[in-house]
Amino acid sequence: MKFRIDRRSLLLTGTLGIGALSLPGVALAQATARGFTHSVASGEPGPDTMLLWTRYVPADGGAVKLRAQVSASADFARVVAEGEQITGPWRDHTAKVTVAGLSPDTRYFYRFVAPDGSFSPVGRTKTLPLGDARRFGIAIFSCSNLPFGYFNAYGHAAARDDIDLWVHLGDYLYEYKQGGYAPAGGAIGGRWPEPAGEMIHLADYRLRYASYRADPDLQALHAAKPMLVQWDDHESANDSWEGGAENHQDDEGDWSARKAAAMQVFREWMPVSETPWGSYEIGTLATFFRTESRLLARSQQPDVAPLFKDADPVKALTAFRDGPWHDPAVTMLGSEQEVWLDHAMRRSVQAGQRWQVVGFGTILGNLSTPADAMGWLAPDADPRARAYVQAGVTAGRLGLPLGYDSWGGYPAARARFLKSSQGMGANLLVVCGDSHNAWAFDLAQDGKAAGVEFAGHAVTSPGFESALKTDPKLVAAAMVRANPELKWCDTSRRGYMALTLTPDQARNDWVFVETVTARSLKASVGHSAIVQRGRNVMA
């Protein structure tokens, strides 16, 4: 069945015509009016608080006051917490209400009530534990490109009862025009998002979020558990940084205006507070640190392409490697956030939290292109692809990274973070997304163990397999051989990660969905990694 989005239907009702949203054990309330357009969501949980989200468009398109209700039972016989917000066109009719007075480690039902007495769909959520916690499950997602396939990873995770929290590490959506970044044969299942053009202005970003949030599996995910979510680059534009982006051109207007629109709409449509970063205590078990590494303070990524045009590229690359690449002023997080993260992690360690879990948008582990990568290309490979891989091999031989949009472009900032973590005695777990592929790193600094990184594969966005003709297992083996920090990888499958924390052990499962070209809930664990507390390396 074609996934074809009618713009008016999308904005006013969120209707897709591809099946009603349903959750196990929850009968969703049917609104007596069509005002609630995109179901519900919850996020940024605490032991006694929760942020609740919905969107309601009244018939006259004006302002309304919505009431949020929380109950321990699906029939809402007793409402244990309430809150209200006035919303309207100035915030795209979205509403966010943070409620308090909840009990720790408790599952709740919630809904919104419109002025006419109609109800939103009912969502489920769960507060964070307080005090002793023996187990906590986190599902981790990134890189969800609508045209590249179905969000089966969301649907599979939403049906699980062993997960307590969702974490989305960015690229929740993509900014490109229809056909700009999509399969060569067109969108899978006709899943073209609106608007047809690239999202640049406020209205574009709003309509693109409306398109993505109409997906039934994404709605099911949001309605099942709370989410911690942070943006990466595609929520604004590809390879964005404080002062611009690779995918922002002069004829697209002022970058500051586009960045402001992207940030505003993200905060309208996502179950997030207005704070760009934060920490969340999971009882005595762990602290999760939500970060911002794109739009507020990130320095521009190094551009080494001109160095390959030098009369002596190796000499030029060597000079870059030994000089500008290590500039301490080049920052991923900015000094304010670096200090906050250092202090917040120290407080977690000093409080006896068993794990310090840090979410970054991009990979922290060191990755270089293997010397034998040229053999991965087909004999008739595009000359540009051949030149790109050859450049990577040349750089790799000199100890330079596979890419510069990740922490590989910010080695001084990476060293500061890892030294800080080592100095405080953290049990560091880094989780990240962005690359579309799955990775497991033993992070090191100055020759000593610093922590472990679990890097997640994409929900749908294609990985190395889209450009290479070689057996993915051979690619993975070569990557591991060439990169001492890298202990395992998968470069061809889609899905999500499931991280299980216990007091003395952390286990990460890379869950691979069977397909993204058809709607399916079939998935399996393709690899698992275990870390024992106090080791900072995988077992």
Protein backbone atom coordinates (compact mmCIF):
# COMPACT_ATOMS: atom_id res chain seq x y z
CA MET A 1 0.00 0.00 0.00
CA LYS A 2 1.35 3.40 -0.93
CA PHE A 3 2.23 5.74 1.93
CA ARG A 4 0.88 8.92 0.37
CA ILE A 5 0.46 11.95 2.57
CA ASP A 6 -2.31 14.44 2.00
CA ARG A 7 -1.04 17.75 3.36
CA ARG A 8 -4.37 18.93 4.81
CA SER A 9 -5.13 15.53 6.36
CA LEU A 10 -1.65 15.39 7.82
CA LEU A 11 -1.80 18.78 9.47
CA LEU A 12 -5.34 18.53 10.77
CA THR A 13 -5.70 14.87 11.70
CA GLY A 14 -2.41 13.03 11.36
CA THR A 15 -4.38 10.33 9.53
CA LEU A 16 -2.50 7.83 7.35
CA GLY A 17 -5.16 5.31 6.48
CA ILE A 18 -2.78 2.41 7.18
CA GLY A 19 -4.14 0.98 10.38
CA ALA A 20 -5.15 2.27 13.79
CA LEU A 21 -2.51 2.85 16.42
CA SER A 22 -2.69 0.27 19.21
CA LEU A 23 -0.72 -0.65 22.29
CA PRO A 24 -0.77 -3.98 24.15
CA GLY A 25 -3.19 -3.79 27.04
CA VAL A 26 -4.36 -0.26 26.28
CA ALA A 27 -7.63 0.60 24.58
CA LEU A 28 -7.02 3.98 22.99
CA ALA A 29 -9.72 6.55 23.61
CA GLN A 30 -11.44 7.69 20.47
CA ALA A 31 -11.69 11.45 20.33
CA THR A 32 -15.16 12.81 19.78
CA ALA A 33 -13.54 15.54 17.69
CA ARG A 34 -10.71 15.28 15.18
CA GLY A 35 -8.61 17.87 17.01
CA PHE A 36 -5.87 15.59 18.38
CA THR A 37 -3.68 15.10 15.34
CA HIS A 38 -0.52 13.17 16.27
CA SER A 39 -1.24 11.03 19.32
CA VAL A 40 0.81 11.62 22.51
CA ALA A 41 4.35 11.35 23.83
CA SER A 42 6.25 11.62 27.09
CA GLY A 43 9.83 12.46 27.88
CA GLU A 44 12.58 13.65 30.20
CA PRO A 45 11.38 11.55 33.13
CA GLY A 46 12.32 12.00 36.77
CA PRO A 47 11.45 9.93 39.83
CA ASP A 48 8.38 12.10 40.47
CA THR A 49 7.95 14.14 37.27
CA MET A 50 7.16 13.61 33.60
CA LEU A 51 6.85 15.83 30.55
CA LEU A 52 3.75 15.04 28.46
CA TRP A 53 3.19 16.08 24.83
CA THR A 54 0.32 16.25 22.35
CA ARG A 55 -0.98 18.34 19.46
CA TYR A 56 -4.51 19.67 19.15
CA VAL A 57 -5.89 21.81 16.32
CA PRO A 58 -9.38 23.25 17.01
CA ALA A 59 -11.85 23.84 14.21
CA ASP A 60 -11.19 27.57 14.21
CA GLY A 61 -7.41 27.17 14.33
CA GLY A 62 -7.14 29.41 17.39
CA ALA A 63 -5.96 29.11 20.96
CA VAL A 64 -7.18 26.41 23.33
CA LYS A 65 -6.41 25.27 26.85
CA LEU A 66 -5.59 21.58 27.18
CA ARG A 67 -5.52 19.59 30.40
CA ALA A 68 -3.18 16.65 30.95
CA GLN A 69 -4.27 13.84 33.25
CA VAL A 70 -2.21 11.01 34.76
CA SER A 71 -3.63 7.88 36.35
CA ALA A 72 -2.41 4.53 37.61
CA SER A 73 -5.29 2.82 35.77
CA ALA A 74 -6.43 2.83 32.16
CA ASP A 75 -9.95 3.92 33.12
CA PHE A 76 -8.67 7.09 34.84
CA ALA A 77 -10.90 6.33 37.82
CA ARG A 78 -8.46 8.30 39.96
CA VAL A 79 -6.36 11.08 38.46
CA VAL A 80 -3.11 11.38 40.43
CA ALA A 81 -1.60 14.37 38.62
CA GLU A 82 -2.84 17.10 36.30
CA GLY A 83 -1.52 20.11 34.41
CA GLU A 84 -2.72 22.64 31.85
CA GLN A 85 -1.31 24.61 28.96
CA ILE A 86 -2.67 27.13 26.48
CA THR A 87 -1.55 26.39 22.95
CA GLY A 88 -2.22 27.81 19.52
CA PRO A 89 -0.72 28.57 16.10
CA TRP A 90 2.30 30.35 17.61
CA ARG A 91 3.63 26.92 18.72
CA ASP A 92 2.02 24.91 15.91
CA HIS A 93 -0.76 23.81 18.29
CA THR A 94 1.59 21.55 20.24
CA ALA A 95 1.37 21.29 24.01
CA LYS A 96 3.89 20.21 26.63
CA VAL A 97 2.90 19.83 30.26
CA THR A 98 5.28 18.70 33.01
CA VAL A 99 3.45 17.03 35.88
CA ALA A 100 4.80 16.38 39.38
CA GLY A 101 3.83 14.38 42.44
CA LEU A 102 4.31 10.98 40.81
CA SER A 103 5.78 7.90 42.46
CA PRO A 104 9.24 6.55 41.49
CA ASP A 105 9.63 3.54 39.22
CA THR A 106 5.91 3.47 38.48
CA ARG A 107 3.99 2.94 35.25
CA TYR A 108 1.22 5.41 34.49
CA PHE A 109 -1.46 6.09 31.91
CA TYR A 110 -1.91 9.63 30.63
CA ARG A 111 -4.14 11.57 28.27
CA PHE A 112 -5.10 15.12 27.32
CA VAL A 113 -8.55 16.65 27.55
CA ALA A 114 -9.76 19.27 25.06
CA PRO A 115 -12.16 22.13 25.90
CA ASP A 116 -15.06 20.22 24.32
CA GLY A 117 -14.40 17.24 26.60
CA SER A 118 -12.83 15.04 23.94
CA PHE A 119 -9.78 12.96 24.84
CA SER A 120 -6.48 12.32 23.15
CA PRO A 121 -5.27 8.75 22.68
CA VAL A 122 -4.02 7.25 25.94
CA GLY A 123 -0.29 6.85 26.42
CA ARG A 124 1.83 4.85 28.83
CA THR A 125 4.87 6.19 30.64
CA LYS A 126 7.15 5.26 33.53
CA THR A 127 9.04 7.33 36.11
CA LEU A 128 12.69 6.76 36.93
CA PRO A 129 13.60 4.71 40.00
CA LEU A 130 14.75 6.31 43.25
CA GLY A 131 17.27 4.59 45.51
CA ASP A 132 18.33 1.00 44.94
CA ALA A 133 17.73 -0.15 41.37
CA ARG A 134 18.68 -3.63 40.20
CA ARG A 135 17.94 -3.43 36.47
CA PHE A 136 17.11 -0.81 33.86
CA GLY A 137 16.57 -1.21 30.12
CA ILE A 138 17.21 1.50 27.51
CA ALA A 139 16.47 1.23 23.78
CA ILE A 140 18.62 3.54 21.65
CA PHE A 141 17.75 4.84 18.17
CA SER A 142 19.20 7.14 15.49
CA CYS A 143 18.99 7.97 11.80
CA SER A 144 15.36 7.47 10.73
CA ASN A 145 14.96 8.37 7.07
CA LEU A 146 11.35 7.98 5.94
CA PRO A 147 11.95 7.30 2.21
CA PHE A 148 14.48 4.54 2.94
CA GLY A 149 11.92 2.27 4.55
CA TYR A 150 9.58 1.38 7.34
CA PHE A 151 10.28 2.19 10.98
CA ASN A 152 10.22 -1.47 12.01
CA ALA A 153 12.80 -0.82 14.70
CA TYR A 154 10.32 1.48 16.44
CA GLY A 155 7.50 -1.03 16.12
CA HIS A 156 9.60 -3.90 17.45
CA ALA A 157 10.85 -1.93 20.43
CA ALA A 158 7.39 -0.56 21.27
CA ALA A 159 6.10 -4.10 21.74
CA ARG A 160 8.78 -4.99 24.32
CA ASP A 161 8.03 -4.96 28.03
CA ASP A 162 11.66 -5.16 29.21
CA ILE A 163 12.57 -1.60 28.22
CA ASP A 164 12.11 1.33 30.62
CA LEU A 165 13.23 4.27 28.51
CA TRP A 166 13.76 5.27 24.88
CA VAL A 167 16.78 7.35 23.89
CA HIS A 168 16.97 8.98 20.45
CA LEU A 169 20.43 10.31 19.61
CA GLY A 170 19.50 12.35 16.57
CA ASP A 171 18.63 12.38 12.88
CA TYR A 172 15.05 11.78 13.96
CA LEU A 173 14.19 13.12 10.49
CA TYR A 174 15.99 14.44 7.41
CA GLU A 175 15.87 17.84 5.76
CA TYR A 176 16.27 16.96 2.07
CA LYS A 177 13.79 17.60 -0.72
CA GLN A 178 11.88 14.62 -2.06
CA GLY A 179 14.45 12.58 -3.97
CA GLY A 180 17.38 14.46 -2.43
CA TYR A 181 18.46 11.57 -0.22
CA ALA A 182 16.37 8.54 -1.06
CA PRO A 183 16.61 5.18 -2.83
CA ALA A 184 17.41 5.41 -6.53
CA GLY A 185 14.09 3.81 -7.40
CA GLY A 186 12.07 6.20 -5.28
CA ALA A 187 10.81 6.12 -1.72
CA ILE A 188 10.10 2.68 -0.26
CA GLY A 189 6.33 2.21 -0.18
CA GLY A 190 5.87 5.73 -1.51
CA ARG A 191 7.00 7.14 1.86
CA TRP A 192 7.74 10.66 0.67
CA PRO A 193 7.57 13.26 3.43
CA GLU A 194 6.10 16.72 3.10
CA PRO A 195 7.01 19.34 2.06
CA ALA A 196 8.28 18.30 -1.37
CA GLY A 197 11.16 20.75 -1.10
CA GLU A 198 13.97 20.91 1.42
CA MET A 199 13.00 22.11 4.87
CA ILE A 200 14.49 25.58 5.29
CA HIS A 201 11.84 27.82 6.82
CA LEU A 202 9.66 27.49 9.91
CA ALA A 203 6.66 26.13 8.00
CA ASP A 204 8.87 23.56 6.23
CA TYR A 205 10.24 22.16 9.47
CA ARG A 206 6.76 21.98 10.99
CA LEU A 207 5.31 20.09 8.05
CA ARG A 208 8.26 17.68 7.94
CA TYR A 209 7.79 16.82 11.63
CA ALA A 210 4.08 16.34 10.98
CA SER A 211 4.96 13.88 8.20
CA TYR A 212 7.29 11.81 10.35
CA ARG A 213 5.10 11.91 13.44
CA ALA A 214 2.20 10.50 11.40
CA ASP A 215 4.04 7.17 11.08
CA PRO A 216 2.15 4.54 13.12
CA ASP A 217 5.25 2.80 14.48
CA LEU A 218 6.75 6.06 15.65
CA GLN A 219 3.46 7.00 17.28
CA ALA A 220 3.36 3.63 19.00
CA LEU A 221 6.90 4.12 20.30
CA HIS A 222 6.15 7.54 21.75
CA ALA A 223 2.89 6.36 23.32
CA ALA A 224 4.50 3.36 25.03
CA LYS A 225 7.42 4.78 27.10
CA PRO A 226 9.15 8.08 27.86
CA MET A 227 11.96 9.29 25.60
CA LEU A 228 15.15 11.27 26.04
CA VAL A 229 15.90 12.87 22.69
CA GLN A 230 18.61 15.15 21.35
CA TRP A 231 19.15 16.58 17.89
CA ASP A 232 22.04 15.81 15.57
CA ASP A 233 22.61 17.47 12.19
CA HIS A 234 19.65 16.51 10.02
CA GLU A 235 17.16 18.13 12.36
CA SER A 236 18.67 21.31 10.90
CA ALA A 237 20.91 20.51 7.90
CA ASN A 238 23.64 18.01 7.07
CA ASP A 239 26.98 18.48 8.89
CA SER A 240 25.70 21.48 10.79
CA TRP A 241 27.83 23.45 13.22
CA GLU A 242 27.44 26.73 15.12
CA GLY A 243 27.91 28.95 12.08
CA GLY A 244 26.60 26.93 9.15
CA ALA A 245 26.15 23.53 7.53
CA GLU A 246 27.37 21.57 4.52
CA ASN A 247 23.78 21.49 3.27
CA HIS A 248 23.08 25.20 3.69
CA GLN A 249 23.80 27.38 0.68
CA ASP A 250 23.83 31.16 0.31
CA ASP A 251 20.62 31.16 -1.74
CA GLU A 252 18.77 29.47 1.16
CA GLY A 253 18.85 32.57 3.33
CA ASP A 254 20.54 33.39 6.60
CA TRP A 255 21.84 30.37 8.53
CA SER A 256 20.95 31.91 11.87
CA ALA A 257 17.29 32.16 10.85
CA ARG A 258 17.26 28.57 9.60
CA LYS A 259 18.98 27.30 12.74
CA ALA A 260 16.52 29.19 14.95
CA ALA A 261 13.58 27.70 13.03
CA ALA A 262 15.01 24.19 13.33
CA MET A 263 15.54 24.55 17.07
CA GLN A 264 12.10 26.07 17.64
CA VAL A 265 10.24 23.34 15.78
CA PHE A 266 12.25 20.57 17.44
CA ARG A 267 11.16 21.95 20.80
CA GLU A 268 7.57 22.29 19.62
CA TRP A 269 7.20 18.77 18.26
CA MET A 270 9.37 16.72 20.59
CA PRO A 271 8.74 15.74 24.23
CA VAL A 272 11.66 17.85 25.44
CA SER A 273 12.24 20.74 27.81
CA GLU A 274 13.84 24.00 26.74
CA THR A 275 17.23 23.06 28.25
CA PRO A 276 19.82 21.95 25.66
CA TRP A 277 21.45 19.35 27.92
CA GLY A 278 20.69 17.57 31.17
CA SER A 279 21.37 14.64 33.51
CA TYR A 280 18.95 11.95 34.67
CA GLU A 281 19.55 9.74 37.69
CA ILE A 282 18.38 6.15 37.37
CA GLY A 283 18.23 5.43 41.08
CA THR A 284 21.65 4.36 42.38
CA LEU A 285 22.27 2.47 39.16
CA ALA A 286 23.37 5.12 36.68
CA THR A 287 23.25 8.70 35.50
CA PHE A 288 22.37 9.37 31.87
CA PHE A 289 23.79 12.57 30.38
CA ARG A 290 21.96 14.15 27.44
CA THR A 291 24.27 16.41 25.43
CA GLU A 292 24.17 18.96 22.60
CA SER A 293 26.97 18.77 20.05
CA ARG A 294 25.72 20.50 16.91
CA LEU A 295 24.21 23.96 16.91
CA LEU A 296 25.22 25.89 20.00
CA ALA A 297 29.01 25.76 20.19
CA ARG A 298 30.48 23.21 17.77
CA SER A 299 33.43 24.52 15.74
CA GLN A 300 33.41 24.02 11.98
CA GLN A 301 34.57 20.60 10.86
CA PRO A 302 38.10 20.45 9.37
CA ASP A 303 38.10 20.37 5.56
CA VAL A 304 41.00 18.31 4.25
CA ALA A 305 39.77 18.08 0.64
CA PRO A 306 41.97 20.98 -0.54
CA LEU A 307 45.03 19.23 0.88
CA PHE A 308 44.67 16.44 -1.68
CA LYS A 309 45.09 19.03 -4.44
CA ASP A 310 48.44 20.15 -3.02
CA ALA A 311 51.58 19.40 -5.03
CA ASP A 312 52.60 17.06 -2.19
CA PRO A 313 49.37 15.80 -0.56
CA VAL A 314 51.18 13.58 1.94
CA LYS A 315 53.29 16.52 3.16
CA ALA A 316 50.20 18.73 3.40
CA LEU A 317 48.22 16.08 5.31
CA THR A 318 51.16 15.47 7.64
CA ALA A 319 51.38 19.18 8.44
CA PHE A 320 47.65 19.22 9.16
CA ARG A 321 47.93 16.13 11.35
CA ASP A 322 50.77 17.59 13.40
CA GLY A 323 49.28 21.06 13.71
CA PRO A 324 45.73 22.38 13.07
CA TRP A 325 44.07 19.01 13.69
CA HIS A 326 45.00 19.23 17.38
CA ASP A 327 43.95 22.85 17.89
CA PRO A 328 42.54 22.97 21.48
CA ALA A 329 40.20 25.79 20.52
CA VAL A 330 38.31 23.48 18.14
CA THR A 331 35.39 22.24 20.22
CA MET A 332 32.51 19.80 19.90
CA LEU A 333 30.54 20.82 23.00
CA GLY A 334 31.81 24.29 23.86
CA SER A 335 33.53 25.23 27.11
CA GLU A 336 30.30 25.84 29.05
CA GLN A 337 28.95 22.37 28.33
CA GLU A 338 32.35 20.73 28.82
CA VAL A 339 32.53 22.17 32.35
CA TRP A 340 28.91 21.22 33.07
CA LEU A 341 29.49 17.64 31.89
CA ASP A 342 32.70 17.32 33.92
CA HIS A 343 31.00 18.58 37.08
CA ALA A 344 27.83 16.55 36.56
CA MET A 345 29.79 13.34 35.96
CA ARG A 346 31.92 13.99 39.06
CA ARG A 347 28.79 14.39 41.16
CA SER A 348 27.50 11.10 39.78
CA VAL A 349 30.76 9.30 40.62
CA GLN A 350 30.97 10.86 44.08
CA ALA A 351 27.35 9.89 44.79
CA GLY A 352 28.22 6.26 44.09
CA GLN A 353 26.23 5.90 40.87
CA ARG A 354 27.32 2.62 39.31
CA TRP A 355 27.48 3.82 35.69
CA GLN A 356 27.98 7.12 33.87
CA VAL A 357 26.17 6.87 30.52
CA VAL A 358 26.83 9.71 28.06
CA GLY A 359 24.83 10.16 24.87
CA PHE A 360 26.62 11.85 21.96
CA GLY A 361 25.35 12.44 18.44
CA THR A 362 28.48 11.22 16.67
CA ILE A 363 31.09 8.49 17.16
CA LEU A 364 33.81 9.05 19.76
CA GLY A 365 35.92 5.97 18.95
CA ASN A 366 38.90 6.30 16.62
CA LEU A 367 38.20 5.08 13.07
CA SER A 368 40.54 5.14 10.07
CA THR A 369 40.14 3.72 6.54
CA PRO A 370 41.94 0.35 6.15
CA ALA A 371 44.78 0.12 3.64
CA ASP A 372 42.92 -2.59 1.69
CA ALA A 373 39.70 -0.60 1.30
CA MET A 374 40.26 -0.04 -2.42
CA GLY A 375 39.45 -3.72 -2.87
CA TRP A 376 35.94 -3.11 -1.56
CA LEU A 377 34.93 -1.22 -4.70
CA ALA A 378 33.49 -2.83 -7.81
CA PRO A 379 35.70 -2.68 -10.92
CA ASP A 380 33.24 -0.26 -12.53
CA ALA A 381 32.87 1.95 -9.45
CA ASP A 382 32.18 5.63 -9.97
CA PRO A 383 35.48 7.55 -10.30
CA ARG A 384 34.39 9.91 -7.52
CA ALA A 385 33.82 6.99 -5.17
CA ARG A 386 37.21 5.56 -6.11
CA ALA A 387 38.90 8.91 -5.45
CA TYR A 388 37.09 9.24 -2.12
CA VAL A 389 38.21 5.81 -0.90
CA GLN A 390 41.76 6.39 -2.12
CA ALA A 391 41.88 9.65 -0.18
CA GLY A 392 40.67 7.79 2.92
CA VAL A 393 43.39 5.15 2.52
CA THR A 394 46.06 7.84 2.16
CA ALA A 395 44.80 9.65 5.24
CA GLY A 396 44.51 6.41 7.18
CA ARG A 397 48.14 5.54 6.55
CA LEU A 398 49.04 8.85 8.20
CA GLY A 399 46.88 8.15 11.24
CA LEU A 400 44.08 10.52 10.20
CA PRO A 401 40.41 9.59 10.73
CA LEU A 402 37.77 8.17 8.43
CA GLY A 403 35.72 11.36 8.81
CA TYR A 404 35.84 14.77 10.47
CA ASP A 405 32.19 15.38 11.32
CA SER A 406 32.51 12.92 14.22
CA TRP A 407 34.87 13.30 17.20
CA GLY A 408 37.61 12.30 14.75
CA GLY A 409 37.65 15.95 13.67
CA TYR A 410 38.02 17.15 17.26
CA PRO A 411 40.89 15.17 18.85
CA ALA A 412 41.80 17.77 21.50
CA ALA A 413 38.19 17.95 22.69
CA ARG A 414 38.00 14.14 22.69
CA ALA A 415 41.14 13.93 24.81
CA ARG A 416 39.78 16.46 27.31
CA PHE A 417 36.60 14.46 27.77
CA LEU A 418 38.32 11.10 28.18
CA LYS A 419 41.00 12.47 30.52
CA SER A 420 38.27 14.03 32.63
CA SER A 421 36.44 10.71 32.81
CA GLN A 422 39.62 8.83 33.71
CA GLY A 423 40.55 11.36 36.38
CA MET A 424 37.27 11.05 38.23
CA GLY A 425 37.18 7.25 38.07
CA ALA A 426 34.00 7.06 36.01
CA ASN A 427 32.50 3.80 34.78
CA LEU A 428 31.97 5.33 31.37
CA LEU A 429 29.50 4.06 28.79
CA VAL A 430 29.20 6.20 25.67
CA VAL A 431 26.25 5.67 23.32
CA CYS A 432 26.02 7.40 19.95
CA GLY A 433 24.45 7.26 16.51
CA ASP A 434 24.93 9.16 13.22
CA SER A 435 27.05 6.68 11.22
CA HIS A 436 24.18 4.32 10.17
CA ASN A 437 26.41 1.36 11.10
CA ALA A 438 26.96 -0.62 14.32
CA TRP A 439 30.21 -0.37 16.29
CA ALA A 440 31.69 -1.43 19.64
CA PHE A 441 34.80 0.40 20.94
CA ASP A 442 37.10 0.09 23.91
CA LEU A 443 37.93 3.76 24.34
CA ALA A 444 41.47 4.64 25.41
CA GLN A 445 43.40 7.77 26.28
CA ASP A 446 47.16 7.98 26.83
CA GLY A 447 47.36 4.22 26.50
CA LYS A 448 44.91 3.55 29.33
CA ALA A 449 41.32 2.31 29.32
CA ALA A 450 38.83 5.17 29.49
CA GLY A 451 35.45 3.58 28.83
CA VAL A 452 33.34 1.67 26.35
CA GLU A 453 31.34 3.00 23.43
CA PHE A 454 28.27 1.38 21.89
CA ALA A 455 27.52 3.04 18.56
CA GLY A 456 24.14 2.38 17.03
CA HIS A 457 23.05 1.48 13.54
CA ALA A 458 20.30 3.36 11.74
CA VAL A 459 16.57 2.80 11.96
CA THR A 460 16.42 2.99 8.13
CA SER A 461 19.25 5.12 6.72
CA PRO A 462 21.69 3.06 4.59
CA GLY A 463 25.21 2.21 5.72
CA PHE A 464 28.40 1.08 4.01
CA GLU A 465 26.48 -1.59 2.10
CA SER A 466 24.88 1.07 -0.10
CA ALA A 467 28.24 2.07 -1.62
CA LEU A 468 30.33 -1.11 -1.45
CA LYS A 469 30.06 -4.41 -3.34
CA THR A 470 32.21 -6.46 -0.96
CA ASP A 471 30.85 -8.98 1.54
CA PRO A 472 30.02 -6.89 4.64
CA LYS A 473 31.76 -9.44 6.86
CA LEU A 474 35.03 -8.81 5.02
CA VAL A 475 34.55 -5.06 5.42
CA ALA A 476 33.89 -5.45 9.14
CA ALA A 477 36.93 -7.66 9.66
CA ALA A 478 39.18 -5.19 7.85
CA MET A 479 37.82 -2.29 9.92
CA VAL A 480 38.54 -4.14 13.16
CA ARG A 481 42.08 -5.07 12.05
CA ALA A 482 42.86 -1.48 11.13
CA ASN A 483 41.48 0.22 14.25
CA PRO A 484 42.80 -0.82 17.68
CA GLU A 485 39.87 0.67 19.64
CA LEU A 486 37.29 -1.07 17.46
CA LYS A 487 36.36 -4.56 18.70
CA TRP A 488 33.35 -5.34 16.50
CA CYS A 489 31.21 -3.76 13.82
CA ASP A 490 28.39 -4.45 11.37
CA THR A 491 28.16 -2.31 8.26
CA SER A 492 25.05 -3.59 6.53
CA ARG A 493 22.01 -3.97 8.80
CA ARG A 494 19.41 -1.68 10.35
CA GLY A 495 17.69 -1.65 13.75
CA TYR A 496 18.39 -0.32 17.26
CA MET A 497 20.39 -0.99 20.41
CA ALA A 498 19.08 -2.34 23.72
CA LEU A 499 21.26 -1.49 26.72
CA THR A 500 20.60 -3.34 29.99
CA LEU A 501 22.16 -1.95 33.16
CA THR A 502 22.62 -3.88 36.40
CA PRO A 503 24.79 -2.85 39.37
CA ASP A 504 27.86 -4.81 38.24
CA GLN A 505 27.33 -5.35 34.52
CA ALA A 506 26.19 -3.50 31.42
CA ARG A 507 25.05 -5.46 28.37
CA ASN A 508 24.37 -3.96 24.97
CA ASP A 509 22.43 -5.84 22.29
CA TRP A 510 22.47 -4.73 18.67
CA VAL A 511 18.99 -5.65 17.45
CA PHE A 512 18.70 -6.07 13.69
CA VAL A 513 15.33 -5.90 11.95
CA GLU A 514 14.65 -8.44 9.22
CA THR A 515 13.81 -5.79 6.64
CA VAL A 516 12.96 -2.12 6.16
CA THR A 517 11.42 -2.58 2.70
CA ALA A 518 8.16 -3.96 4.12
CA ARG A 519 6.36 -3.48 7.39
CA SER A 520 7.46 -6.25 9.76
CA LEU A 521 8.14 -6.77 13.47
CA LYS A 522 10.65 -9.57 12.91
CA ALA A 523 14.04 -8.82 14.48
CA SER A 524 16.86 -10.59 16.28
CA VAL A 525 19.93 -9.81 18.36
CA GLY A 526 22.93 -9.87 16.04
CA HIS A 527 25.63 -9.15 18.58
CA SER A 528 26.01 -8.48 22.31
CA ALA A 529 28.77 -6.85 24.33
CA ILE A 530 29.26 -6.96 28.09
CA VAL A 531 31.15 -4.61 30.39
CA GLN A 532 31.93 -5.44 34.01
CA ARG A 533 31.86 -2.46 36.34
CA GLY A 534 35.33 -1.18 37.16
CA ARG A 535 36.92 -2.51 33.96
CA ASN A 536 36.10 0.15 31.34
CA VAL A 537 36.70 -2.46 28.63
CA MET A 538 34.42 -5.09 27.13
CA ALA A 539 34.65 -8.59 28.54
